[in-house]
Amino acid sequence: MNESWVTVVGNAATRPDFWETAAGVAVARFRLAVTVRRWDRGRDAWADAYTSFYTVWAWRTLAANVAGSVSLGEPLVVHGTLRVREREWDRERERERDRPLQGEGGGAAVGAGPAVDSGGGSNQPSRWVTAEIDAMAVGHDLTRGTSAFRRVSQAKPLLNAPTRTTSP
């Protein structure tokens, strides 16, 4: 597979949303804010530069653990596959939809940023680029604090366990 694996360090910018699909698969989603810091020689101190935002997706057991462990503003380390997509607003259906990226390997569209529709007088962007991470691991950044780990046990019912029903 030619996927881009990334490890990103930042802060939870939103609380995790958690739900289950119709098939019963657990899903969690949250936004991660990543601020670049640079050493400013003139002030002899660290200075914040720009902030990038990623939508982090977690599935199955990781999703349930993210929902129970991550809070707004907490420092996190996320490891997973990076996916950059161009989205657009479908005016007829009043919803978002994916657009294929333009250019060789998507390189031309990645830096494009939002494009404002000039035809309808609306200030709402009609196209934008999103960066998403399908997480394989999410954890607290222990360089900025401590954390307590609690193992989750998944109890599985015994196949031959008595059922507490009475026979007539």
N, C-alpha and C. Protein backbone atom coordinates (compact mmCIF):
# COMPACT_ATOMS: atom_id res chain seq x y z
N MET A 1 0.84 -1.19 0.00
CA MET A 1 0.00 0.00 0.00
C MET A 1 0.88 1.25 0.00
N ASN A 2 0.48 2.23 -0.75
CA ASN A 2 1.20 3.50 -0.80
C ASN A 2 0.46 4.55 0.00
N GLU A 3 0.36 4.33 1.28
CA GLU A 3 -0.31 5.28 2.15
C GLU A 3 0.73 6.12 2.86
N SER A 4 0.36 7.33 3.21
CA SER A 4 1.24 8.22 3.95
C SER A 4 0.98 8.07 5.44
N TRP A 5 1.93 7.46 6.16
CA TRP A 5 1.81 7.29 7.61
C TRP A 5 2.40 8.51 8.28
N VAL A 6 1.68 9.06 9.24
CA VAL A 6 2.13 10.25 9.95
C VAL A 6 1.98 10.06 11.46
N THR A 7 2.82 10.76 12.18
CA THR A 7 2.67 10.88 13.63
C THR A 7 2.59 12.37 13.91
N VAL A 8 1.49 12.79 14.53
CA VAL A 8 1.22 14.21 14.73
C VAL A 8 1.03 14.47 16.22
N VAL A 9 1.65 15.55 16.70
CA VAL A 9 1.54 15.95 18.10
C VAL A 9 0.78 17.27 18.16
N GLY A 10 -0.28 17.31 18.96
CA GLY A 10 -1.08 18.53 19.06
C GLY A 10 -2.04 18.47 20.23
N ASN A 11 -3.08 19.30 20.18
CA ASN A 11 -4.09 19.36 21.24
C ASN A 11 -5.46 19.05 20.66
N ALA A 12 -6.29 18.38 21.45
CA ALA A 12 -7.66 18.10 21.03
C ALA A 12 -8.40 19.43 20.93
N ALA A 13 -8.86 19.77 19.72
CA ALA A 13 -9.54 21.03 19.49
C ALA A 13 -11.05 20.91 19.69
N THR A 14 -11.56 19.68 19.69
CA THR A 14 -12.98 19.43 19.96
C THR A 14 -13.09 18.19 20.85
N ARG A 15 -14.24 18.05 21.47
CA ARG A 15 -14.51 16.80 22.19
C ARG A 15 -14.79 15.73 21.15
N PRO A 16 -14.43 14.48 21.44
CA PRO A 16 -14.72 13.42 20.47
C PRO A 16 -16.22 13.20 20.30
N ASP A 17 -16.65 13.07 19.06
CA ASP A 17 -18.01 12.61 18.75
C ASP A 17 -17.93 11.10 18.66
N PHE A 18 -18.91 10.39 19.22
CA PHE A 18 -18.91 8.93 19.21
C PHE A 18 -20.27 8.44 18.77
N TRP A 19 -20.29 7.43 17.88
CA TRP A 19 -21.53 6.80 17.46
C TRP A 19 -21.21 5.41 16.93
N GLU A 20 -22.24 4.65 16.69
CA GLU A 20 -22.09 3.34 16.07
C GLU A 20 -22.81 3.35 14.73
N THR A 21 -22.19 2.69 13.75
CA THR A 21 -22.81 2.61 12.43
C THR A 21 -23.98 1.63 12.48
N ALA A 22 -24.74 1.55 11.40
CA ALA A 22 -25.86 0.61 11.33
C ALA A 22 -25.39 -0.83 11.50
N ALA A 23 -24.14 -1.10 11.14
CA ALA A 23 -23.58 -2.45 11.27
C ALA A 23 -23.01 -2.70 12.67
N GLY A 24 -23.10 -1.70 13.55
CA GLY A 24 -22.61 -1.88 14.92
C GLY A 24 -21.14 -1.56 15.12
N VAL A 25 -20.50 -0.90 14.15
CA VAL A 25 -19.09 -0.54 14.26
C VAL A 25 -18.97 0.80 14.98
N ALA A 26 -18.15 0.84 16.04
CA ALA A 26 -17.94 2.07 16.80
C ALA A 26 -17.05 3.03 16.02
N VAL A 27 -17.43 4.33 16.03
CA VAL A 27 -16.69 5.37 15.32
C VAL A 27 -16.54 6.57 16.24
N ALA A 28 -15.34 7.15 16.27
CA ALA A 28 -15.10 8.40 17.00
C ALA A 28 -14.39 9.37 16.07
N ARG A 29 -14.72 10.65 16.23
CA ARG A 29 -14.12 11.69 15.40
C ARG A 29 -13.86 12.91 16.28
N PHE A 30 -12.67 13.52 16.12
CA PHE A 30 -12.38 14.78 16.80
C PHE A 30 -11.39 15.56 15.96
N ARG A 31 -11.25 16.85 16.28
CA ARG A 31 -10.31 17.71 15.57
C ARG A 31 -9.06 17.88 16.43
N LEU A 32 -7.91 17.87 15.77
CA LEU A 32 -6.62 18.03 16.43
C LEU A 32 -5.96 19.29 15.91
N ALA A 33 -5.56 20.17 16.82
CA ALA A 33 -4.87 21.41 16.45
C ALA A 33 -3.37 21.21 16.66
N VAL A 34 -2.59 21.51 15.62
CA VAL A 34 -1.14 21.33 15.66
C VAL A 34 -0.50 22.67 15.35
N THR A 35 0.17 23.25 16.34
CA THR A 35 0.81 24.55 16.19
C THR A 35 2.31 24.38 16.05
N VAL A 36 2.86 24.93 14.99
CA VAL A 36 4.30 24.89 14.75
C VAL A 36 4.95 25.90 15.67
N ARG A 37 6.05 25.48 16.32
CA ARG A 37 6.81 26.40 17.19
C ARG A 37 8.22 26.54 16.62
N ARG A 38 8.70 27.74 16.61
CA ARG A 38 10.03 28.03 16.08
C ARG A 38 10.84 28.81 17.12
N TRP A 39 12.14 28.63 17.09
CA TRP A 39 13.02 29.35 18.00
C TRP A 39 13.28 30.74 17.41
N ASP A 40 12.95 31.77 18.17
CA ASP A 40 13.15 33.16 17.76
C ASP A 40 14.46 33.64 18.37
N ARG A 41 15.50 33.75 17.53
CA ARG A 41 16.82 34.14 18.04
C ARG A 41 16.82 35.57 18.58
N GLY A 42 16.02 36.44 17.97
CA GLY A 42 15.97 37.83 18.41
C GLY A 42 15.44 37.98 19.83
N ARG A 43 14.41 37.20 20.16
CA ARG A 43 13.82 37.27 21.51
C ARG A 43 14.39 36.20 22.42
N ASP A 44 15.19 35.29 21.84
CA ASP A 44 15.77 34.19 22.60
C ASP A 44 14.69 33.37 23.31
N ALA A 45 13.63 33.05 22.54
CA ALA A 45 12.51 32.30 23.10
C ALA A 45 11.76 31.58 21.98
N TRP A 46 10.94 30.61 22.36
CA TRP A 46 10.10 29.90 21.40
C TRP A 46 8.92 30.79 21.04
N ALA A 47 8.51 30.74 19.76
CA ALA A 47 7.37 31.52 19.28
C ALA A 47 6.45 30.61 18.46
N ASP A 48 5.14 30.80 18.64
CA ASP A 48 4.18 30.03 17.86
C ASP A 48 4.10 30.58 16.45
N ALA A 49 4.03 29.67 15.48
CA ALA A 49 3.84 30.05 14.08
C ALA A 49 2.38 29.74 13.72
N TYR A 50 2.13 29.04 12.64
CA TYR A 50 0.78 28.77 12.18
C TYR A 50 0.22 27.50 12.85
N THR A 51 -1.10 27.36 12.81
CA THR A 51 -1.78 26.18 13.35
C THR A 51 -2.49 25.44 12.23
N SER A 52 -2.30 24.12 12.17
CA SER A 52 -3.01 23.26 11.23
C SER A 52 -4.01 22.43 11.99
N PHE A 53 -5.15 22.14 11.37
CA PHE A 53 -6.19 21.33 12.00
C PHE A 53 -6.40 20.06 11.19
N TYR A 54 -6.49 18.94 11.89
CA TYR A 54 -6.73 17.64 11.28
C TYR A 54 -8.00 17.05 11.89
N THR A 55 -8.79 16.36 11.08
CA THR A 55 -9.90 15.57 11.58
C THR A 55 -9.37 14.16 11.80
N VAL A 56 -9.48 13.68 13.03
CA VAL A 56 -8.97 12.36 13.37
C VAL A 56 -10.15 11.40 13.47
N TRP A 57 -10.03 10.26 12.77
CA TRP A 57 -11.06 9.22 12.78
C TRP A 57 -10.50 8.01 13.50
N ALA A 58 -11.29 7.44 14.41
CA ALA A 58 -10.91 6.21 15.10
C ALA A 58 -12.05 5.22 14.95
N TRP A 59 -11.72 3.95 14.86
CA TRP A 59 -12.71 2.91 14.60
C TRP A 59 -12.63 1.81 15.65
N ARG A 60 -13.74 1.15 15.88
CA ARG A 60 -13.87 -0.04 16.73
C ARG A 60 -13.41 0.22 18.16
N THR A 61 -12.54 -0.62 18.70
CA THR A 61 -12.11 -0.49 20.09
C THR A 61 -11.40 0.84 20.33
N LEU A 62 -10.57 1.26 19.39
CA LEU A 62 -9.88 2.55 19.54
C LEU A 62 -10.90 3.68 19.66
N ALA A 63 -11.99 3.61 18.91
CA ALA A 63 -13.02 4.65 18.98
C ALA A 63 -13.63 4.74 20.37
N ALA A 64 -13.97 3.61 20.94
CA ALA A 64 -14.55 3.60 22.29
C ALA A 64 -13.56 4.12 23.32
N ASN A 65 -12.29 3.75 23.18
CA ASN A 65 -11.29 4.22 24.13
C ASN A 65 -10.99 5.70 23.97
N VAL A 66 -11.01 6.21 22.74
CA VAL A 66 -10.83 7.65 22.51
C VAL A 66 -11.98 8.42 23.15
N ALA A 67 -13.20 7.95 22.95
CA ALA A 67 -14.37 8.63 23.52
C ALA A 67 -14.31 8.68 25.05
N GLY A 68 -13.76 7.65 25.66
CA GLY A 68 -13.68 7.61 27.11
C GLY A 68 -12.44 8.24 27.70
N SER A 69 -11.48 8.62 26.86
CA SER A 69 -10.19 9.09 27.37
C SER A 69 -9.80 10.51 26.97
N VAL A 70 -10.29 11.00 25.85
CA VAL A 70 -9.84 12.28 25.31
C VAL A 70 -10.82 13.38 25.67
N SER A 71 -10.27 14.48 26.19
CA SER A 71 -11.07 15.66 26.52
C SER A 71 -10.53 16.86 25.75
N LEU A 72 -11.36 17.87 25.64
CA LEU A 72 -11.01 19.11 24.95
C LEU A 72 -9.73 19.71 25.52
N GLY A 73 -8.80 20.07 24.65
CA GLY A 73 -7.59 20.77 25.06
C GLY A 73 -6.43 19.87 25.49
N GLU A 74 -6.65 18.57 25.61
CA GLU A 74 -5.58 17.70 26.07
C GLU A 74 -4.51 17.51 25.00
N PRO A 75 -3.23 17.44 25.44
CA PRO A 75 -2.14 17.20 24.48
C PRO A 75 -2.13 15.73 24.07
N LEU A 76 -2.07 15.49 22.74
CA LEU A 76 -2.17 14.13 22.21
C LEU A 76 -1.09 13.85 21.19
N VAL A 77 -0.81 12.55 21.02
CA VAL A 77 0.02 12.05 19.93
C VAL A 77 -0.87 11.11 19.12
N VAL A 78 -0.98 11.36 17.82
CA VAL A 78 -1.83 10.55 16.94
C VAL A 78 -0.96 9.96 15.85
N HIS A 79 -1.11 8.65 15.63
CA HIS A 79 -0.37 7.95 14.58
C HIS A 79 -1.38 7.28 13.65
N GLY A 80 -1.25 7.50 12.35
CA GLY A 80 -2.19 6.89 11.42
C GLY A 80 -1.88 7.27 9.99
N THR A 81 -2.84 7.02 9.11
CA THR A 81 -2.66 7.32 7.69
C THR A 81 -3.30 8.67 7.36
N LEU A 82 -2.58 9.46 6.59
CA LEU A 82 -3.04 10.79 6.20
C LEU A 82 -3.85 10.69 4.91
N ARG A 83 -4.97 11.40 4.89
CA ARG A 83 -5.82 11.47 3.70
C ARG A 83 -6.18 12.94 3.49
N VAL A 84 -5.84 13.47 2.32
CA VAL A 84 -6.17 14.85 1.97
C VAL A 84 -7.24 14.80 0.90
N ARG A 85 -8.37 15.49 1.17
CA ARG A 85 -9.49 15.45 0.23
C ARG A 85 -9.99 16.86 -0.04
N GLU A 86 -10.44 17.06 -1.25
CA GLU A 86 -11.10 18.31 -1.60
C GLU A 86 -12.60 18.07 -1.44
N ARG A 87 -13.26 19.00 -0.78
CA ARG A 87 -14.70 18.91 -0.55
C ARG A 87 -15.37 20.10 -1.20
N GLU A 88 -16.65 19.95 -1.51
CA GLU A 88 -17.40 21.09 -2.02
C GLU A 88 -18.82 21.04 -1.49
N TRP A 89 -19.45 22.19 -1.48
CA TRP A 89 -20.83 22.32 -1.02
C TRP A 89 -21.74 22.08 -2.22
N ASP A 90 -22.62 21.08 -2.08
CA ASP A 90 -23.60 20.76 -3.12
C ASP A 90 -24.84 21.60 -2.82
N ARG A 91 -25.02 22.68 -3.57
CA ARG A 91 -26.13 23.63 -3.30
C ARG A 91 -27.49 23.00 -3.50
N GLU A 92 -27.61 22.11 -4.47
CA GLU A 92 -28.92 21.49 -4.74
C GLU A 92 -29.38 20.62 -3.58
N ARG A 93 -28.46 19.88 -3.01
CA ARG A 93 -28.82 18.98 -1.91
C ARG A 93 -28.49 19.55 -0.55
N GLU A 94 -27.87 20.73 -0.52
CA GLU A 94 -27.47 21.40 0.71
C GLU A 94 -26.68 20.49 1.63
N ARG A 95 -25.60 19.91 1.09
CA ARG A 95 -24.72 19.05 1.87
C ARG A 95 -23.34 19.02 1.22
N GLU A 96 -22.36 18.48 2.00
CA GLU A 96 -21.00 18.36 1.48
C GLU A 96 -20.88 17.14 0.58
N ARG A 97 -19.90 17.19 -0.32
CA ARG A 97 -19.57 16.01 -1.10
C ARG A 97 -18.09 16.07 -1.46
N ASP A 98 -17.52 14.89 -1.73
CA ASP A 98 -16.11 14.81 -2.12
C ASP A 98 -15.94 15.24 -3.56
N ARG A 99 -14.79 15.83 -3.84
CA ARG A 99 -14.39 16.15 -5.20
C ARG A 99 -13.06 15.47 -5.45
N PRO A 100 -12.82 14.98 -6.65
CA PRO A 100 -11.49 14.43 -6.94
C PRO A 100 -10.45 15.54 -6.91
N LEU A 101 -9.29 15.25 -6.35
CA LEU A 101 -8.21 16.24 -6.33
C LEU A 101 -7.68 16.46 -7.73
N GLN A 102 -7.31 17.70 -8.05
CA GLN A 102 -6.79 18.04 -9.36
C GLN A 102 -5.27 17.97 -9.34
N GLY A 103 -4.66 17.72 -10.46
CA GLY A 103 -3.21 17.76 -10.57
C GLY A 103 -2.58 16.40 -10.33
N GLU A 104 -1.28 16.34 -10.46
CA GLU A 104 -0.52 15.11 -10.29
C GLU A 104 -0.50 14.71 -8.83
N GLY A 105 -1.10 13.60 -8.48
CA GLY A 105 -1.08 13.09 -7.12
C GLY A 105 -1.72 14.02 -6.12
N GLY A 106 -2.53 14.96 -6.56
CA GLY A 106 -3.20 15.85 -5.64
C GLY A 106 -2.34 17.02 -5.19
N GLY A 107 -1.09 17.10 -5.65
CA GLY A 107 -0.19 18.13 -5.17
C GLY A 107 -0.65 19.55 -5.48
N ALA A 108 -1.28 19.74 -6.61
CA ALA A 108 -1.69 21.08 -6.99
C ALA A 108 -2.83 21.59 -6.13
N ALA A 109 -3.71 20.70 -5.71
CA ALA A 109 -4.89 21.14 -4.97
C ALA A 109 -4.66 21.23 -3.48
N VAL A 110 -3.65 20.55 -2.96
CA VAL A 110 -3.45 20.51 -1.51
C VAL A 110 -3.22 21.90 -0.95
N GLY A 111 -2.44 22.70 -1.61
CA GLY A 111 -2.15 24.03 -1.10
C GLY A 111 -3.15 25.08 -1.54
N ALA A 112 -4.21 24.66 -2.20
CA ALA A 112 -5.14 25.62 -2.79
C ALA A 112 -5.95 26.38 -1.76
N GLY A 113 -6.35 25.74 -0.67
CA GLY A 113 -7.17 26.41 0.33
C GLY A 113 -8.58 26.59 -0.16
N PRO A 114 -9.41 27.29 0.62
CA PRO A 114 -10.80 27.46 0.22
C PRO A 114 -10.94 28.35 -1.00
N ALA A 115 -11.90 28.01 -1.84
CA ALA A 115 -12.22 28.84 -3.00
C ALA A 115 -13.61 29.40 -2.78
N VAL A 116 -13.74 30.71 -2.81
CA VAL A 116 -15.03 31.33 -2.56
C VAL A 116 -15.80 31.44 -3.86
N ASP A 117 -17.07 31.08 -3.81
CA ASP A 117 -17.94 31.16 -4.97
C ASP A 117 -18.24 32.63 -5.24
N SER A 118 -17.98 33.08 -6.45
CA SER A 118 -18.22 34.49 -6.77
C SER A 118 -19.56 34.72 -7.44
N GLY A 119 -20.28 33.65 -7.79
CA GLY A 119 -21.50 33.81 -8.55
C GLY A 119 -22.72 34.16 -7.73
N GLY A 120 -22.90 33.62 -6.55
CA GLY A 120 -24.14 33.78 -5.83
C GLY A 120 -24.12 34.84 -4.75
N GLY A 121 -23.02 35.54 -4.59
CA GLY A 121 -22.96 36.56 -3.56
C GLY A 121 -22.80 35.98 -2.16
N SER A 122 -22.64 34.69 -2.03
CA SER A 122 -22.49 34.05 -0.73
C SER A 122 -21.03 34.11 -0.30
N ASN A 123 -20.81 34.36 0.98
CA ASN A 123 -19.46 34.36 1.51
C ASN A 123 -19.02 32.97 1.94
N GLN A 124 -19.90 31.99 1.81
CA GLN A 124 -19.58 30.63 2.21
C GLN A 124 -18.70 29.98 1.14
N PRO A 125 -17.57 29.36 1.57
CA PRO A 125 -16.73 28.70 0.57
C PRO A 125 -17.49 27.58 -0.11
N SER A 126 -17.29 27.44 -1.41
CA SER A 126 -17.96 26.36 -2.13
C SER A 126 -17.03 25.15 -2.24
N ARG A 127 -15.72 25.35 -2.12
CA ARG A 127 -14.75 24.26 -2.15
C ARG A 127 -13.70 24.49 -1.08
N TRP A 128 -13.20 23.40 -0.49
CA TRP A 128 -12.12 23.50 0.49
C TRP A 128 -11.39 22.18 0.55
N VAL A 129 -10.21 22.19 1.17
CA VAL A 129 -9.38 21.00 1.30
C VAL A 129 -9.35 20.59 2.76
N THR A 130 -9.51 19.29 3.03
CA THR A 130 -9.45 18.78 4.40
C THR A 130 -8.29 17.80 4.53
N ALA A 131 -7.71 17.77 5.70
CA ALA A 131 -6.68 16.79 6.04
C ALA A 131 -7.24 15.92 7.15
N GLU A 132 -7.29 14.62 6.90
CA GLU A 132 -7.86 13.68 7.86
C GLU A 132 -6.84 12.60 8.18
N ILE A 133 -6.89 12.08 9.40
CA ILE A 133 -6.01 11.00 9.82
C ILE A 133 -6.87 9.84 10.27
N ASP A 134 -6.70 8.68 9.65
CA ASP A 134 -7.32 7.45 10.13
C ASP A 134 -6.37 6.88 11.18
N ALA A 135 -6.74 7.04 12.44
CA ALA A 135 -5.83 6.74 13.55
C ALA A 135 -5.66 5.25 13.76
N MET A 136 -4.43 4.85 14.00
CA MET A 136 -4.11 3.50 14.43
C MET A 136 -3.78 3.51 15.93
N ALA A 137 -3.32 4.67 16.42
CA ALA A 137 -2.99 4.82 17.84
C ALA A 137 -3.20 6.27 18.24
N VAL A 138 -3.76 6.48 19.43
CA VAL A 138 -3.95 7.82 19.99
C VAL A 138 -3.56 7.73 21.45
N GLY A 139 -2.74 8.67 21.90
CA GLY A 139 -2.34 8.67 23.30
C GLY A 139 -2.05 10.07 23.78
N HIS A 140 -1.94 10.22 25.10
CA HIS A 140 -1.60 11.51 25.67
C HIS A 140 -0.10 11.77 25.50
N ASP A 141 0.24 13.05 25.28
CA ASP A 141 1.63 13.46 25.12
C ASP A 141 2.24 13.59 26.51
N LEU A 142 3.03 12.60 26.91
CA LEU A 142 3.57 12.55 28.27
C LEU A 142 4.74 13.50 28.49
N THR A 143 5.17 14.23 27.46
CA THR A 143 6.16 15.27 27.68
C THR A 143 5.50 16.50 28.32
N ARG A 144 4.17 16.53 28.33
CA ARG A 144 3.46 17.70 28.84
C ARG A 144 2.60 17.38 30.06
N GLY A 145 2.70 16.16 30.60
CA GLY A 145 1.91 15.80 31.77
C GLY A 145 1.92 14.31 32.00
N THR A 146 1.14 13.87 32.96
CA THR A 146 1.07 12.44 33.28
C THR A 146 -0.29 11.89 32.88
N SER A 147 -0.36 10.58 32.83
CA SER A 147 -1.59 9.92 32.46
C SER A 147 -1.68 8.60 33.22
N ALA A 148 -2.88 8.12 33.45
CA ALA A 148 -3.07 6.83 34.13
C ALA A 148 -3.74 5.87 33.15
N PHE A 149 -3.11 4.73 32.93
CA PHE A 149 -3.63 3.75 31.98
C PHE A 149 -4.56 2.77 32.69
N ARG A 150 -5.71 2.50 32.08
CA ARG A 150 -6.64 1.50 32.60
C ARG A 150 -6.94 0.53 31.48
N ARG A 151 -6.58 -0.73 31.68
CA ARG A 151 -6.85 -1.74 30.66
C ARG A 151 -8.34 -2.01 30.59
N VAL A 152 -8.86 -2.12 29.38
CA VAL A 152 -10.27 -2.41 29.17
C VAL A 152 -10.38 -3.89 28.88
N SER A 153 -11.21 -4.57 29.66
CA SER A 153 -11.43 -5.98 29.38
C SER A 153 -12.76 -6.12 28.67
N GLN A 154 -12.75 -6.90 27.63
CA GLN A 154 -13.98 -7.12 26.89
C GLN A 154 -14.53 -8.48 27.31
N ALA A 155 -15.52 -8.44 28.16
CA ALA A 155 -16.12 -9.68 28.65
C ALA A 155 -16.87 -10.36 27.52
N LYS A 156 -16.58 -11.63 27.33
CA LYS A 156 -17.27 -12.40 26.30
C LYS A 156 -18.11 -13.46 27.01
N PRO A 157 -19.34 -13.61 26.63
CA PRO A 157 -20.18 -14.59 27.30
C PRO A 157 -19.71 -16.01 27.03
N LEU A 158 -19.83 -16.85 28.04
CA LEU A 158 -19.50 -18.26 27.86
C LEU A 158 -20.59 -18.92 27.02
N LEU A 159 -20.19 -19.76 26.12
CA LEU A 159 -21.16 -20.40 25.24
C LEU A 159 -22.02 -21.42 25.99
N ASN A 160 -21.49 -22.01 27.04
CA ASN A 160 -22.23 -23.04 27.75
C ASN A 160 -22.66 -22.58 29.14
N ALA A 161 -22.81 -21.27 29.33
CA ALA A 161 -23.20 -20.74 30.63
C ALA A 161 -24.68 -20.98 30.87
N PRO A 162 -25.06 -21.31 32.11
CA PRO A 162 -26.49 -21.48 32.42
C PRO A 162 -27.23 -20.17 32.24
N THR A 163 -28.50 -20.23 31.84
CA THR A 163 -29.26 -19.04 31.49
C THR A 163 -30.30 -18.62 32.50
N ARG A 164 -30.38 -19.20 33.66
CA ARG A 164 -31.31 -18.83 34.73
C ARG A 164 -32.78 -18.92 34.33
N THR A 165 -33.08 -19.69 33.37
CA THR A 165 -34.50 -19.91 33.03
C THR A 165 -34.95 -21.21 33.67
N THR A 166 -36.19 -21.27 34.00
CA THR A 166 -36.71 -22.48 34.64
C THR A 166 -37.48 -23.30 33.62
N SER A 167 -37.37 -24.60 33.76
CA SER A 167 -38.11 -25.51 32.86
C SER A 167 -39.43 -25.85 33.50
N PRO A 168 -40.51 -25.99 32.74
CA PRO A 168 -41.82 -26.34 33.33
C PRO A 168 -41.86 -27.75 33.83
